[in-house]
Amino acid sequence: LAEDTASLALPLLKRGTNGDTIAYDHNSHRLLNVAPNDFMTPMELREHMMFDAMLWGNWYHLKNFTTNSYDQYGEMSSLWPLEAAYVVRPWRQFYWEFSDATTGVSGSFLPDDVWRGTILSGNGIDGMSITLLARESIGLLLAAEEQGARLFSHGIQTDFVLETPDALDDDVKKQLRAALMQRHSGSNNAFLPMLLEGGMKASKLGLTAQESQYLEARAFQVDDIASVFRYPAVLLGSAGKGGKTSTFASAEQFFESYTKHTLEIGRAHV
């Protein structure tokens, strides 16, 4: 989302007798399309804007001006992003306090000092984080990924038991367990045949990834999170919640919907 919205054109238009034209000579056009400050490109600035909007529901850019003897504010010279995680608005006040422990930058900023925006705002001032609202879906996906990582790191089905007709002492148990891990653990040793002697039997206790529907659950969560951010699953290479692949015709509709309902709304926030 950050890359796609940042790559959109953001022309500054001025009204004229023959229609609107791009204001190449205006200082704001240079900040939005050439260089917002000495260290960032316009795309980086807008990526930061979308990133903060999705994570925190707000984005803030500090406006720096050149001063002159006639005005308190002269020409805008640069735009600097303020990380939304470090911005706080005091209760019932209309200014923002910023303190970044990493860079050491801090200060209080009035509305005229900051170019700001929100999403899902109930009062027009404080936005709501989409990522926070989707925390349950994201947490379930992270749990599924951790489960899969644990399963495949061993390379074999670990939830099984070896049974013997005779009792074994602790040393034999340790040797047997070590030999089993050395022989079968790891992806390089996966699916090797297991040899059992002395009446030993192997019984399965757990479920495989297919039986536990791990792959289906993970795919569903990816699509679920994508829908929260209005991102089409076809762009992620996902088959979708219905499990059906997209045709060329349906993919085209997905792209048009993504442009209309996601990218255009993102640009409108800017």
C-alpha atoms as a PDB file:
ATOM      1  CA  LEU A   1       0.000   0.000   0.000  1.00  0.00           C
ATOM      2  CA  ALA A   2       2.784   2.435   0.891  1.00  0.00           C
ATOM      3  CA  GLU A   3       4.661   1.781  -2.346  1.00  0.00           C
ATOM      4  CA  ASP A   4       1.594   1.837  -4.585  1.00  0.00           C
ATOM      5  CA  THR A   5       0.162   5.063  -3.195  1.00  0.00           C
ATOM      6  CA  ALA A   6       3.593   6.730  -3.134  1.00  0.00           C
ATOM      7  CA  SER A   7       4.129   5.934  -6.819  1.00  0.00           C
ATOM      8  CA  LEU A   8       0.973   7.807  -7.850  1.00  0.00           C
ATOM      9  CA  ALA A   9       1.351  11.209  -9.442  1.00  0.00           C
ATOM     10  CA  LEU A  10       0.612  14.089  -7.098  1.00  0.00           C
ATOM     11  CA  PRO A  11       0.473  17.203  -9.285  1.00  0.00           C
ATOM     12  CA  LEU A  12      -0.241  20.618  -7.770  1.00  0.00           C
ATOM     13  CA  LEU A  13      -2.773  22.425  -9.974  1.00  0.00           C
ATOM     14  CA  LYS A  14      -3.556  26.101 -10.262  1.00  0.00           C
ATOM     15  CA  ARG A  15      -6.677  27.588 -11.738  1.00  0.00           C
ATOM     16  CA  GLY A  16      -6.442  29.590 -14.964  1.00  0.00           C
ATOM     17  CA  THR A  17      -8.662  31.173 -17.550  1.00  0.00           C
ATOM     18  CA  ASN A  18      -8.005  28.274 -19.908  1.00  0.00           C
ATOM     19  CA  GLY A  19      -8.399  25.566 -17.299  1.00  0.00           C
ATOM     20  CA  ASP A  20      -6.238  24.076 -14.577  1.00  0.00           C
ATOM     21  CA  THR A  21      -2.508  23.720 -15.179  1.00  0.00           C
ATOM     22  CA  ILE A  22       0.313  22.179 -13.181  1.00  0.00           C
ATOM     23  CA  ALA A  23       1.964  24.774 -10.945  1.00  0.00           C
ATOM     24  CA  TYR A  24       5.585  23.921 -11.717  1.00  0.00           C
ATOM     25  CA  ASP A  25       6.734  27.294 -10.391  1.00  0.00           C
ATOM     26  CA  HIS A  26       5.041  26.889  -6.988  1.00  0.00           C
ATOM     27  CA  ASN A  27       7.246  25.895  -4.070  1.00  0.00           C
ATOM     28  CA  SER A  28       4.819  23.235  -2.828  1.00  0.00           C
ATOM     29  CA  HIS A  29       5.087  21.419  -6.165  1.00  0.00           C
ATOM     30  CA  ARG A  30       8.830  21.095  -5.643  1.00  0.00           C
ATOM     31  CA  LEU A  31       8.348  19.708  -2.127  1.00  0.00           C
ATOM     32  CA  LEU A  32       5.739  17.163  -3.226  1.00  0.00           C
ATOM     33  CA  ASN A  33       7.362  16.019  -6.468  1.00  0.00           C
ATOM     34  CA  VAL A  34      11.095  16.811  -6.378  1.00  0.00           C
ATOM     35  CA  ALA A  35      12.525  16.875  -2.842  1.00  0.00           C
ATOM     36  CA  PRO A  36      10.603  17.388   0.422  1.00  0.00           C
ATOM     37  CA  ASN A  37      13.866  17.848   2.350  1.00  0.00           C
ATOM     38  CA  ASP A  38      17.609  17.326   1.982  1.00  0.00           C
ATOM     39  CA  PHE A  39      17.527  13.580   2.711  1.00  0.00           C
ATOM     40  CA  MET A  40      14.305  12.127   1.290  1.00  0.00           C
ATOM     41  CA  THR A  41      12.609  11.670  -2.046  1.00  0.00           C
ATOM     42  CA  PRO A  42       8.900  12.451  -2.466  1.00  0.00           C
ATOM     43  CA  MET A  43       8.164   8.720  -2.725  1.00  0.00           C
ATOM     44  CA  GLU A  44       9.917   8.042   0.588  1.00  0.00           C
ATOM     45  CA  LEU A  45       7.919  10.805   2.269  1.00  0.00           C
ATOM     46  CA  ARG A  46       4.607   9.434   1.014  1.00  0.00           C
ATOM     47  CA  GLU A  47       5.588   5.869   1.901  1.00  0.00           C
ATOM     48  CA  HIS A  48       6.223   7.072   5.452  1.00  0.00           C
ATOM     49  CA  MET A  49       2.846   8.804   5.409  1.00  0.00           C
ATOM     50  CA  MET A  50       0.946   5.641   4.446  1.00  0.00           C
ATOM     51  CA  PHE A  51       3.005   3.490   6.804  1.00  0.00           C
ATOM     52  CA  ASP A  52       2.085   5.671   9.805  1.00  0.00           C
ATOM     53  CA  ALA A  53      -1.534   5.900   8.688  1.00  0.00           C
ATOM     54  CA  MET A  54      -1.927   2.108   8.591  1.00  0.00           C
ATOM     55  CA  LEU A  55      -0.072   1.507  11.872  1.00  0.00           C
ATOM     56  CA  TRP A  56      -1.288   4.457  13.954  1.00  0.00           C
ATOM     57  CA  GLY A  57      -4.224   6.024  12.127  1.00  0.00           C
ATOM     58  CA  ASN A  58      -2.415   9.382  11.881  1.00  0.00           C
ATOM     59  CA  TRP A  59       0.486  10.925   9.982  1.00  0.00           C
ATOM     60  CA  TYR A  60       2.347  14.151  10.664  1.00  0.00           C
ATOM     61  CA  HIS A  61       4.819  16.221   8.628  1.00  0.00           C
ATOM     62  CA  LEU A  62       6.548  19.205  10.192  1.00  0.00           C
ATOM     63  CA  LYS A  63       6.506  22.282   7.948  1.00  0.00           C
ATOM     64  CA  ASN A  64       9.678  24.378   7.997  1.00  0.00           C
ATOM     65  CA  PHE A  65       9.552  27.955   6.726  1.00  0.00           C
ATOM     66  CA  THR A  66      12.041  30.594   5.785  1.00  0.00           C
ATOM     67  CA  THR A  67      11.414  33.768   7.784  1.00  0.00           C
ATOM     68  CA  ASN A  68      11.426  37.330   6.504  1.00  0.00           C
ATOM     69  CA  SER A  69      10.874  40.764   7.980  1.00  0.00           C
ATOM     70  CA  TYR A  70       7.326  41.019   6.679  1.00  0.00           C
ATOM     71  CA  ASP A  71       5.759  37.785   7.770  1.00  0.00           C
ATOM     72  CA  GLN A  72       6.053  35.335  10.620  1.00  0.00           C
ATOM     73  CA  TYR A  73       6.073  32.578   8.002  1.00  0.00           C
ATOM     74  CA  GLY A  74       7.866  32.985   4.719  1.00  0.00           C
ATOM     75  CA  GLU A  75       8.216  30.359   2.019  1.00  0.00           C
ATOM     76  CA  MET A  76       7.934  26.703   3.015  1.00  0.00           C
ATOM     77  CA  SER A  77      11.446  25.272   2.742  1.00  0.00           C
ATOM     78  CA  SER A  78      11.022  21.589   3.694  1.00  0.00           C
ATOM     79  CA  LEU A  79       8.731  18.884   5.038  1.00  0.00           C
ATOM     80  CA  TRP A  80       9.971  16.486   7.725  1.00  0.00           C
ATOM     81  CA  PRO A  81       7.985  13.399   8.770  1.00  0.00           C
ATOM     82  CA  LEU A  82       7.264  12.974  12.468  1.00  0.00           C
ATOM     83  CA  GLU A  83       6.897   9.330  13.464  1.00  0.00           C
ATOM     84  CA  ALA A  84       3.320   8.962  14.656  1.00  0.00           C
ATOM     85  CA  ALA A  85       4.365   6.575  17.425  1.00  0.00           C
ATOM     86  CA  TYR A  86       6.027   9.495  19.225  1.00  0.00           C
ATOM     87  CA  VAL A  87       3.275  12.093  18.698  1.00  0.00           C
ATOM     88  CA  VAL A  88       0.813  12.757  21.529  1.00  0.00           C
ATOM     89  CA  ARG A  89      -2.071  15.238  21.689  1.00  0.00           C
ATOM     90  CA  PRO A  90      -2.761  16.370  25.260  1.00  0.00           C
ATOM     91  CA  TRP A  91      -6.271  15.858  26.566  1.00  0.00           C
ATOM     92  CA  ARG A  92      -8.703  18.512  25.276  1.00  0.00           C
ATOM     93  CA  GLN A  93      -5.868  20.472  23.655  1.00  0.00           C
ATOM     94  CA  PHE A  94      -5.312  21.249  19.996  1.00  0.00           C
ATOM     95  CA  TYR A  95      -1.575  20.915  19.675  1.00  0.00           C
ATOM     96  CA  TRP A  96       0.824  17.983  19.459  1.00  0.00           C
ATOM     97  CA  GLU A  97       3.862  17.019  21.480  1.00  0.00           C
ATOM     98  CA  PHE A  98       6.646  15.063  19.802  1.00  0.00           C
ATOM     99  CA  SER A  99       9.649  13.370  21.387  1.00  0.00           C
ATOM    100  CA  ASP A 100      11.901  10.909  19.525  1.00  0.00           C
ATOM    101  CA  ALA A 101      14.392   9.189  21.820  1.00  0.00           C
ATOM    102  CA  THR A 102      16.388   7.894  18.841  1.00  0.00           C
ATOM    103  CA  THR A 103      17.070  11.217  17.119  1.00  0.00           C
ATOM    104  CA  GLY A 104      16.651  13.478  20.146  1.00  0.00           C
ATOM    105  CA  VAL A 105      14.165  15.701  18.302  1.00  0.00           C
ATOM    106  CA  SER A 106      11.318  17.006  20.440  1.00  0.00           C
ATOM    107  CA  GLY A 107       8.904  19.914  20.629  1.00  0.00           C
ATOM    108  CA  SER A 108       5.304  21.095  20.654  1.00  0.00           C
ATOM    109  CA  PHE A 109       3.585  21.895  17.387  1.00  0.00           C
ATOM    110  CA  LEU A 110       0.451  23.906  16.575  1.00  0.00           C
ATOM    111  CA  PRO A 111      -1.896  23.085  13.654  1.00  0.00           C
ATOM    112  CA  ASP A 112      -0.145  25.633  11.435  1.00  0.00           C
ATOM    113  CA  ASP A 113       3.198  23.926  12.065  1.00  0.00           C
ATOM    114  CA  VAL A 114       2.178  20.437  10.946  1.00  0.00           C
ATOM    115  CA  TRP A 115       0.750  18.928   7.781  1.00  0.00           C
ATOM    116  CA  ARG A 116      -1.313  16.093   9.196  1.00  0.00           C
ATOM    117  CA  GLY A 117      -4.041  13.626   8.327  1.00  0.00           C
ATOM    118  CA  THR A 118      -6.112  10.834   9.864  1.00  0.00           C
ATOM    119  CA  ILE A 119      -8.102   7.754   8.886  1.00  0.00           C
ATOM    120  CA  LEU A 120     -11.190   6.336  10.629  1.00  0.00           C
ATOM    121  CA  SER A 121     -11.394   9.402  12.835  1.00  0.00           C
ATOM    122  CA  GLY A 122     -14.388   9.912  15.084  1.00  0.00           C
ATOM    123  CA  ASN A 123     -13.591  13.528  15.941  1.00  0.00           C
ATOM    124  CA  GLY A 124     -11.651  14.632  12.862  1.00  0.00           C
ATOM    125  CA  ILE A 125      -8.444  14.954  14.893  1.00  0.00           C
ATOM    126  CA  ASP A 126      -7.410  11.535  16.176  1.00  0.00           C
ATOM    127  CA  GLY A 127      -7.384   8.592  13.789  1.00  0.00           C
ATOM    128  CA  MET A 128      -7.801   4.885  14.490  1.00  0.00           C
ATOM    129  CA  SER A 129      -5.221   2.248  13.602  1.00  0.00           C
ATOM    130  CA  ILE A 130      -6.406  -0.345  11.065  1.00  0.00           C
ATOM    131  CA  THR A 131      -3.589  -2.636  12.191  1.00  0.00           C
ATOM    132  CA  LEU A 132      -4.825  -2.434  15.778  1.00  0.00           C
ATOM    133  CA  LEU A 133      -8.377  -3.228  14.715  1.00  0.00           C
ATOM    134  CA  ALA A 134      -7.113  -6.301  12.835  1.00  0.00           C
ATOM    135  CA  ARG A 135      -4.859  -7.470  15.682  1.00  0.00           C
ATOM    136  CA  GLU A 136      -6.777 -10.713  16.213  1.00  0.00           C
ATOM    137  CA  SER A 137      -6.427 -11.765  12.575  1.00  0.00           C
ATOM    138  CA  ILE A 138      -2.765 -10.779  12.507  1.00  0.00           C
ATOM    139  CA  GLY A 139      -2.087 -12.610  15.765  1.00  0.00           C
ATOM    140  CA  LEU A 140      -3.748 -15.763  14.450  1.00  0.00           C
ATOM    141  CA  LEU A 141      -1.572 -15.660  11.320  1.00  0.00           C
ATOM    142  CA  LEU A 142       1.599 -15.200  13.398  1.00  0.00           C
ATOM    143  CA  ALA A 143       0.589 -18.152  15.561  1.00  0.00           C
ATOM    144  CA  ALA A 144       0.025 -20.291  12.448  1.00  0.00           C
ATOM    145  CA  GLU A 145       3.437 -19.315  11.065  1.00  0.00           C
ATOM    146  CA  GLU A 146       5.110 -20.181  14.373  1.00  0.00           C
ATOM    147  CA  GLN A 147       3.333 -23.539  14.391  1.00  0.00           C
ATOM    148  CA  GLY A 148       4.522 -24.279  10.862  1.00  0.00           C
ATOM    149  CA  ALA A 149       8.087 -23.234  11.662  1.00  0.00           C
ATOM    150  CA  ARG A 150       8.195 -25.568  14.653  1.00  0.00           C
ATOM    151  CA  LEU A 151       6.748 -28.427  12.621  1.00  0.00           C
ATOM    152  CA  PHE A 152       9.085 -28.161   9.646  1.00  0.00           C
ATOM    153  CA  SER A 153      12.216 -27.378  11.678  1.00  0.00           C
ATOM    154  CA  HIS A 154      12.180 -30.951  12.988  1.00  0.00           C
ATOM    155  CA  GLY A 155      11.586 -32.444   9.561  1.00  0.00           C
ATOM    156  CA  ILE A 156       9.535 -35.363  10.949  1.00  0.00           C
ATOM    157  CA  GLN A 157       6.307 -35.743  12.838  1.00  0.00           C
ATOM    158  CA  THR A 158       7.454 -35.232  16.417  1.00  0.00           C
ATOM    159  CA  ASP A 159       4.236 -36.038  18.200  1.00  0.00           C
ATOM    160  CA  PHE A 160       4.615 -39.834  18.354  1.00  0.00           C
ATOM    161  CA  VAL A 161       5.674 -42.415  20.880  1.00  0.00           C
ATOM    162  CA  LEU A 162       7.893 -45.525  20.710  1.00  0.00           C
ATOM    163  CA  GLU A 163       6.570 -48.514  22.649  1.00  0.00           C
ATOM    164  CA  THR A 164       8.597 -51.553  23.779  1.00  0.00           C
ATOM    165  CA  PRO A 165       7.393 -54.732  25.471  1.00  0.00           C
ATOM    166  CA  ASP A 166      10.195 -54.501  28.037  1.00  0.00           C
ATOM    167  CA  ALA A 167      11.126 -51.712  30.433  1.00  0.00           C
ATOM    168  CA  LEU A 168      14.191 -49.604  29.518  1.00  0.00           C
ATOM    169  CA  ASP A 169      16.575 -47.837  31.863  1.00  0.00           C
ATOM    170  CA  ASP A 170      17.309 -44.107  31.524  1.00  0.00           C
ATOM    171  CA  ASP A 171      20.618 -44.523  29.682  1.00  0.00           C
ATOM    172  CA  VAL A 172      19.037 -46.681  26.982  1.00  0.00           C
ATOM    173  CA  LYS A 173      16.198 -44.177  26.616  1.00  0.00           C
ATOM    174  CA  LYS A 174      18.672 -41.307  26.124  1.00  0.00           C
ATOM    175  CA  GLN A 175      20.679 -43.297  23.571  1.00  0.00           C
ATOM    176  CA  LEU A 176      17.540 -44.281  21.692  1.00  0.00           C
ATOM    177  CA  ARG A 177      16.275 -40.685  21.612  1.00  0.00           C
ATOM    178  CA  ALA A 178      19.653 -39.357  20.475  1.00  0.00           C
ATOM    179  CA  ALA A 179      19.934 -41.970  17.734  1.00  0.00           C
ATOM    180  CA  LEU A 180      16.431 -41.157  16.522  1.00  0.00           C
ATOM    181  CA  MET A 181      17.110 -37.410  16.379  1.00  0.00           C
ATOM    182  CA  GLN A 182      20.442 -37.914  14.622  1.00  0.00           C
ATOM    183  CA  ARG A 183      18.930 -40.260  12.060  1.00  0.00           C
ATOM    184  CA  HIS A 184      15.629 -38.503  11.278  1.00  0.00           C
ATOM    185  CA  SER A 185      15.711 -34.883  12.488  1.00  0.00           C
ATOM    186  CA  GLY A 186      16.130 -32.094   9.955  1.00  0.00           C
ATOM    187  CA  SER A 187      14.795 -31.564   6.456  1.00  0.00           C
ATOM    188  CA  ASN A 188      17.704 -33.488   4.874  1.00  0.00           C
ATOM    189  CA  ASN A 189      16.636 -36.643   6.729  1.00  0.00           C
ATOM    190  CA  ALA A 190      12.914 -36.287   6.173  1.00  0.00           C
ATOM    191  CA  PHE A 191      10.951 -39.342   4.997  1.00  0.00           C
ATOM    192  CA  LEU A 192      13.783 -41.818   5.666  1.00  0.00           C
ATOM    193  CA  PRO A 193      12.471 -45.265   6.650  1.00  0.00           C
ATOM    194  CA  MET A 194      12.506 -45.997  10.374  1.00  0.00           C
ATOM    195  CA  LEU A 195      13.823 -49.383  11.519  1.00  0.00           C
ATOM    196  CA  LEU A 196      12.369 -50.770  14.752  1.00  0.00           C
ATOM    197  CA  GLU A 197      13.769 -53.823  16.585  1.00  0.00           C
ATOM    198  CA  GLY A 198      12.962 -55.903  19.643  1.00  0.00           C
ATOM    199  CA  GLY A 199       9.196 -55.643  19.278  1.00  0.00           C
ATOM    200  CA  MET A 200       9.284 -51.817  19.336  1.00  0.00           C
ATOM    201  CA  LYS A 201       6.243 -50.009  17.904  1.00  0.00           C
ATOM    202  CA  ALA A 202       5.752 -46.378  16.826  1.00  0.00           C
ATOM    203  CA  SER A 203       2.364 -44.809  17.502  1.00  0.00           C
ATOM    204  CA  LYS A 204       1.290 -41.383  16.280  1.00  0.00           C
ATOM    205  CA  LEU A 205      -0.207 -38.978  18.785  1.00  0.00           C
ATOM    206  CA  GLY A 206      -0.434 -35.696  16.869  1.00  0.00           C
ATOM    207  CA  LEU A 207      -1.702 -34.363  13.556  1.00  0.00           C
ATOM    208  CA  THR A 208       0.163 -33.577  10.357  1.00  0.00           C
ATOM    209  CA  ALA A 209       0.057 -30.134   8.757  1.00  0.00           C
ATOM    210  CA  GLN A 210      -2.586 -31.350   6.296  1.00  0.00           C
ATOM    211  CA  GLU A 211      -4.717 -33.008   8.986  1.00  0.00           C
ATOM    212  CA  SER A 212      -4.629 -29.908  11.166  1.00  0.00           C
ATOM    213  CA  GLN A 213      -5.534 -27.772   8.110  1.00  0.00           C
ATOM    214  CA  TYR A 214      -2.467 -25.609   8.734  1.00  0.00           C
ATOM    215  CA  LEU A 215      -2.068 -24.597   5.099  1.00  0.00           C
ATOM    216  CA  GLU A 216      -5.747 -23.738   4.694  1.00  0.00           C
ATOM    217  CA  ALA A 217      -5.802 -21.712   7.917  1.00  0.00           C
ATOM    218  CA  ARG A 218      -2.694 -19.771   6.925  1.00  0.00           C
ATOM    219  CA  ALA A 219      -4.062 -18.971   3.454  1.00  0.00           C
ATOM    220  CA  PHE A 220      -7.379 -17.870   4.949  1.00  0.00           C
ATOM    221  CA  GLN A 221      -5.646 -15.508   7.394  1.00  0.00           C
ATOM    222  CA  VAL A 222      -3.542 -13.939   4.641  1.00  0.00           C
ATOM    223  CA  ASP A 223      -6.702 -13.199   2.648  1.00  0.00           C
ATOM    224  CA  ASP A 224      -8.522 -12.000   5.754  1.00  0.00           C
ATOM    225  CA  ILE A 225      -5.804  -9.444   6.560  1.00  0.00           C
ATOM    226  CA  ALA A 226      -5.597  -8.362   2.918  1.00  0.00           C
ATOM    227  CA  SER A 227      -9.333  -7.647   2.887  1.00  0.00           C
ATOM    228  CA  VAL A 228      -8.973  -5.451   5.981  1.00  0.00           C
ATOM    229  CA  PHE A 229      -6.565  -3.217   4.052  1.00  0.00           C
ATOM    230  CA  ARG A 230      -8.644  -3.459   0.840  1.00  0.00           C
ATOM    231  CA  TYR A 231      -5.806  -5.242  -0.915  1.00  0.00           C
ATOM    232  CA  PRO A 232      -6.864  -7.837  -3.551  1.00  0.00           C
ATOM    233  CA  ALA A 233      -5.659 -11.348  -2.836  1.00  0.00           C
ATOM    234  CA  VAL A 234      -4.782 -11.834  -6.512  1.00  0.00           C
ATOM    235  CA  LEU A 235      -1.918  -9.351  -6.120  1.00  0.00           C
ATOM    236  CA  LEU A 236      -0.530 -11.507  -3.311  1.00  0.00           C
ATOM    237  CA  GLY A 237      -0.621 -14.625  -5.457  1.00  0.00           C
ATOM    238  CA  SER A 238      -3.312 -16.077  -3.208  1.00  0.00           C
ATOM    239  CA  ALA A 239      -6.156 -18.204  -4.452  1.00  0.00           C
ATOM    240  CA  GLY A 240      -8.586 -16.406  -2.180  1.00  0.00           C
ATOM    241  CA  LYS A 241     -10.873 -17.569   0.606  1.00  0.00           C
ATOM    242  CA  GLY A 242     -12.969 -19.610  -1.793  1.00  0.00           C
ATOM    243  CA  GLY A 243      -9.938 -21.569  -2.943  1.00  0.00           C
ATOM    244  CA  LYS A 244     -10.527 -20.726  -6.625  1.00  0.00           C
ATOM    245  CA  THR A 245      -7.895 -19.200  -8.860  1.00  0.00           C
ATOM    246  CA  SER A 246      -8.678 -15.925 -10.601  1.00  0.00           C
ATOM    247  CA  THR A 247      -9.328 -15.698 -14.324  1.00  0.00           C
ATOM    248  CA  PHE A 248      -8.007 -12.875 -16.504  1.00  0.00           C
ATOM    249  CA  ALA A 249     -11.448 -11.254 -16.508  1.00  0.00           C
ATOM    250  CA  SER A 250     -11.896 -11.408 -12.739  1.00  0.00           C
ATOM    251  CA  ALA A 251      -8.294 -10.270 -12.140  1.00  0.00           C
ATOM    252  CA  GLU A 252      -8.957  -7.174 -14.248  1.00  0.00           C
ATOM    253  CA  GLN A 253     -11.967  -6.366 -12.080  1.00  0.00           C
ATOM    254  CA  PHE A 254      -9.827  -6.826  -8.967  1.00  0.00           C
ATOM    255  CA  PHE A 255      -7.298  -4.324 -10.319  1.00  0.00           C
ATOM    256  CA  GLU A 256      -9.989  -1.783 -11.181  1.00  0.00           C
ATOM    257  CA  SER A 257     -11.555  -2.178  -7.742  1.00  0.00           C
ATOM    258  CA  TYR A 258      -8.134  -1.806  -6.100  1.00  0.00           C
ATOM    259  CA  THR A 259      -7.479   1.407  -8.039  1.00  0.00           C
ATOM    260  CA  LYS A 260     -10.904   2.888  -7.310  1.00  0.00           C
ATOM    261  CA  HIS A 261     -11.506   1.832  -3.715  1.00  0.00           C
ATOM    262  CA  THR A 262      -7.944   1.759  -2.333  1.00  0.00           C
ATOM    263  CA  LEU A 263      -5.422   3.838  -4.295  1.00  0.00           C
ATOM    264  CA  GLU A 264      -7.771   6.734  -5.063  1.00  0.00           C
ATOM    265  CA  ILE A 265      -8.871   6.901  -1.440  1.00  0.00           C
ATOM    266  CA  GLY A 266      -5.229   6.864  -0.340  1.00  0.00           C
ATOM    267  CA  ARG A 267      -4.398   9.731  -2.668  1.00  0.00           C
ATOM    268  CA  ALA A 268      -7.483  11.621  -1.505  1.00  0.00           C
ATOM    269  CA  HIS A 269      -6.152  11.492   2.074  1.00  0.00           C
ATOM    270  CA  VAL A 270      -3.004  13.236   0.868  1.00  0.00           C
END
